[in-house]
Structures are given as C-alpha cells and as structure tokens.
Amino acid sequence: MAETTYNGYCVKCKEKRDFQGNVEVSKTGMNMAKGKCPVCGTTMNRILGKAK
C-alpha cells in the first residue's frame, strides 16, 4: 500500500500534525493509519473507521 498523508495528534509534542502513514487493521477490527511524527519521530495513530 502507498503511504498517504493523514492528520493526527502527537502525544509527545501535544500538537496535531500531518504525518505519512499506511492503513492497517487493528486487533479490534478498525482501520487505522499508522506512521511517525515528522518532528519527534514518535509513532502516531489515526482511527479511520470499521474495516469491512
């Protein structure tokens, strides 16, 4: 899958940032964008909705 830009909250920087990420399916069956914060490098997640 190609990386896409998503907007998420970085818990380390305490700010919303755009990050490059890939869509994965979580253990609970939700689509989730997962990537790294461009400033500090912390893993960022964005819940996108239920997986089909």
N, C-alpha and C. Protein backbone atom coordinates (compact mmCIF):
# COMPACT_ATOMS: atom_id res chain seq x y z
N MET A 1 0.82 -1.19 0.00
CA MET A 1 0.00 0.00 0.00
C MET A 1 0.87 1.25 0.00
N ALA A 2 0.40 2.27 -0.69
CA ALA A 2 1.15 3.52 -0.77
C ALA A 2 0.93 4.36 0.48
N GLU A 3 1.96 5.10 0.86
CA GLU A 3 1.83 5.99 2.01
C GLU A 3 0.98 7.19 1.62
N THR A 4 0.14 7.62 2.53
CA THR A 4 -0.73 8.76 2.33
C THR A 4 -0.56 9.70 3.51
N THR A 5 -0.90 10.98 3.33
CA THR A 5 -0.80 11.95 4.42
C THR A 5 -2.08 11.95 5.23
N TYR A 6 -1.94 11.86 6.55
CA TYR A 6 -3.06 11.89 7.48
C TYR A 6 -2.78 12.96 8.53
N ASN A 7 -3.83 13.40 9.22
CA ASN A 7 -3.68 14.36 10.30
C ASN A 7 -3.97 13.63 11.60
N GLY A 8 -3.08 13.74 12.57
CA GLY A 8 -3.27 13.06 13.85
C GLY A 8 -2.66 13.85 14.98
N TYR A 9 -2.88 13.39 16.21
CA TYR A 9 -2.38 14.06 17.40
C TYR A 9 -1.12 13.35 17.89
N CYS A 10 -0.07 14.10 18.07
CA CYS A 10 1.17 13.57 18.63
C CYS A 10 1.15 13.78 20.14
N VAL A 11 1.19 12.69 20.91
CA VAL A 11 1.11 12.80 22.37
C VAL A 11 2.39 13.36 22.98
N LYS A 12 3.51 13.23 22.27
CA LYS A 12 4.77 13.75 22.79
C LYS A 12 4.88 15.27 22.55
N CYS A 13 4.54 15.72 21.34
CA CYS A 13 4.59 17.15 21.01
C CYS A 13 3.36 17.90 21.53
N LYS A 14 2.27 17.16 21.81
CA LYS A 14 0.99 17.72 22.24
C LYS A 14 0.42 18.68 21.19
N GLU A 15 0.54 18.29 19.91
CA GLU A 15 0.00 19.08 18.80
C GLU A 15 -0.52 18.16 17.72
N LYS A 16 -1.47 18.69 16.93
CA LYS A 16 -1.94 17.95 15.76
C LYS A 16 -0.95 18.19 14.63
N ARG A 17 -0.59 17.11 13.95
CA ARG A 17 0.38 17.21 12.86
C ARG A 17 -0.04 16.30 11.70
N ASP A 18 0.39 16.66 10.50
CA ASP A 18 0.22 15.79 9.34
C ASP A 18 1.38 14.80 9.34
N PHE A 19 1.07 13.53 9.06
CA PHE A 19 2.12 12.51 9.02
C PHE A 19 1.88 11.56 7.86
N GLN A 20 2.94 10.94 7.39
CA GLN A 20 2.86 9.94 6.33
C GLN A 20 2.60 8.60 6.98
N GLY A 21 1.58 7.87 6.49
CA GLY A 21 1.28 6.61 7.13
C GLY A 21 0.62 5.60 6.21
N ASN A 22 0.56 4.38 6.67
CA ASN A 22 -0.10 3.27 5.97
C ASN A 22 -1.31 2.84 6.76
N VAL A 23 -2.32 2.34 6.05
CA VAL A 23 -3.54 1.85 6.72
C VAL A 23 -3.32 0.41 7.14
N GLU A 24 -3.61 0.12 8.41
CA GLU A 24 -3.54 -1.22 8.96
C GLU A 24 -4.85 -1.53 9.66
N VAL A 25 -5.13 -2.80 9.90
CA VAL A 25 -6.32 -3.20 10.65
C VAL A 25 -5.88 -3.55 12.06
N SER A 26 -6.51 -2.92 13.06
CA SER A 26 -6.14 -3.15 14.46
C SER A 26 -6.74 -4.47 14.96
N LYS A 27 -6.39 -4.84 16.19
CA LYS A 27 -6.90 -6.07 16.80
C LYS A 27 -8.42 -6.03 16.95
N THR A 28 -8.98 -4.83 17.14
CA THR A 28 -10.42 -4.69 17.34
C THR A 28 -11.19 -4.58 16.03
N GLY A 29 -10.51 -4.69 14.89
CA GLY A 29 -11.17 -4.67 13.60
C GLY A 29 -11.41 -3.28 13.03
N MET A 30 -10.63 -2.30 13.46
CA MET A 30 -10.76 -0.93 12.96
C MET A 30 -9.63 -0.62 11.99
N ASN A 31 -9.94 0.15 10.92
CA ASN A 31 -8.90 0.66 10.05
C ASN A 31 -8.17 1.77 10.79
N MET A 32 -6.84 1.77 10.68
CA MET A 32 -6.03 2.71 11.44
C MET A 32 -4.85 3.15 10.59
N ALA A 33 -4.64 4.46 10.50
CA ALA A 33 -3.45 4.99 9.83
C ALA A 33 -2.34 5.04 10.86
N LYS A 34 -1.19 4.48 10.52
CA LYS A 34 -0.07 4.40 11.46
C LYS A 34 1.17 4.96 10.78
N GLY A 35 1.86 5.88 11.47
CA GLY A 35 3.07 6.47 10.91
C GLY A 35 3.90 7.12 12.00
N LYS A 36 4.89 7.91 11.59
CA LYS A 36 5.80 8.57 12.52
C LYS A 36 5.58 10.08 12.48
N CYS A 37 5.72 10.73 13.64
CA CYS A 37 5.65 12.19 13.74
C CYS A 37 6.87 12.76 13.00
N PRO A 38 6.65 13.74 12.09
CA PRO A 38 7.79 14.29 11.35
C PRO A 38 8.74 15.12 12.21
N VAL A 39 8.31 15.55 13.40
CA VAL A 39 9.15 16.39 14.26
C VAL A 39 9.95 15.55 15.26
N CYS A 40 9.26 14.68 16.03
CA CYS A 40 9.95 13.96 17.11
C CYS A 40 10.16 12.47 16.82
N GLY A 41 9.46 11.92 15.82
CA GLY A 41 9.65 10.52 15.46
C GLY A 41 8.81 9.53 16.23
N THR A 42 7.91 10.00 17.11
CA THR A 42 7.03 9.13 17.87
C THR A 42 5.99 8.51 16.94
N THR A 43 5.58 7.28 17.21
CA THR A 43 4.54 6.62 16.42
C THR A 43 3.22 7.33 16.64
N MET A 44 2.53 7.66 15.53
CA MET A 44 1.23 8.31 15.59
C MET A 44 0.19 7.39 14.98
N ASN A 45 -1.03 7.43 15.52
CA ASN A 45 -2.14 6.62 15.00
C ASN A 45 -3.34 7.51 14.74
N ARG A 46 -4.15 7.11 13.77
CA ARG A 46 -5.40 7.80 13.49
C ARG A 46 -6.44 6.73 13.17
N ILE A 47 -7.51 6.65 13.97
CA ILE A 47 -8.57 5.68 13.74
C ILE A 47 -9.43 6.18 12.57
N LEU A 48 -9.65 5.32 11.57
CA LEU A 48 -10.37 5.72 10.37
C LEU A 48 -11.77 5.16 10.30
N GLY A 49 -12.08 4.10 11.01
CA GLY A 49 -13.42 3.51 10.99
C GLY A 49 -13.34 2.00 10.92
N LYS A 50 -14.52 1.36 10.90
CA LYS A 50 -14.57 -0.08 10.88
C LYS A 50 -14.03 -0.66 9.57
N ALA A 51 -13.30 -1.75 9.68
CA ALA A 51 -12.81 -2.46 8.50
C ALA A 51 -13.95 -3.32 7.95
N LYS A 52 -13.98 -3.45 6.65
CA LYS A 52 -15.07 -4.24 6.03
C LYS A 52 -14.72 -5.71 5.95
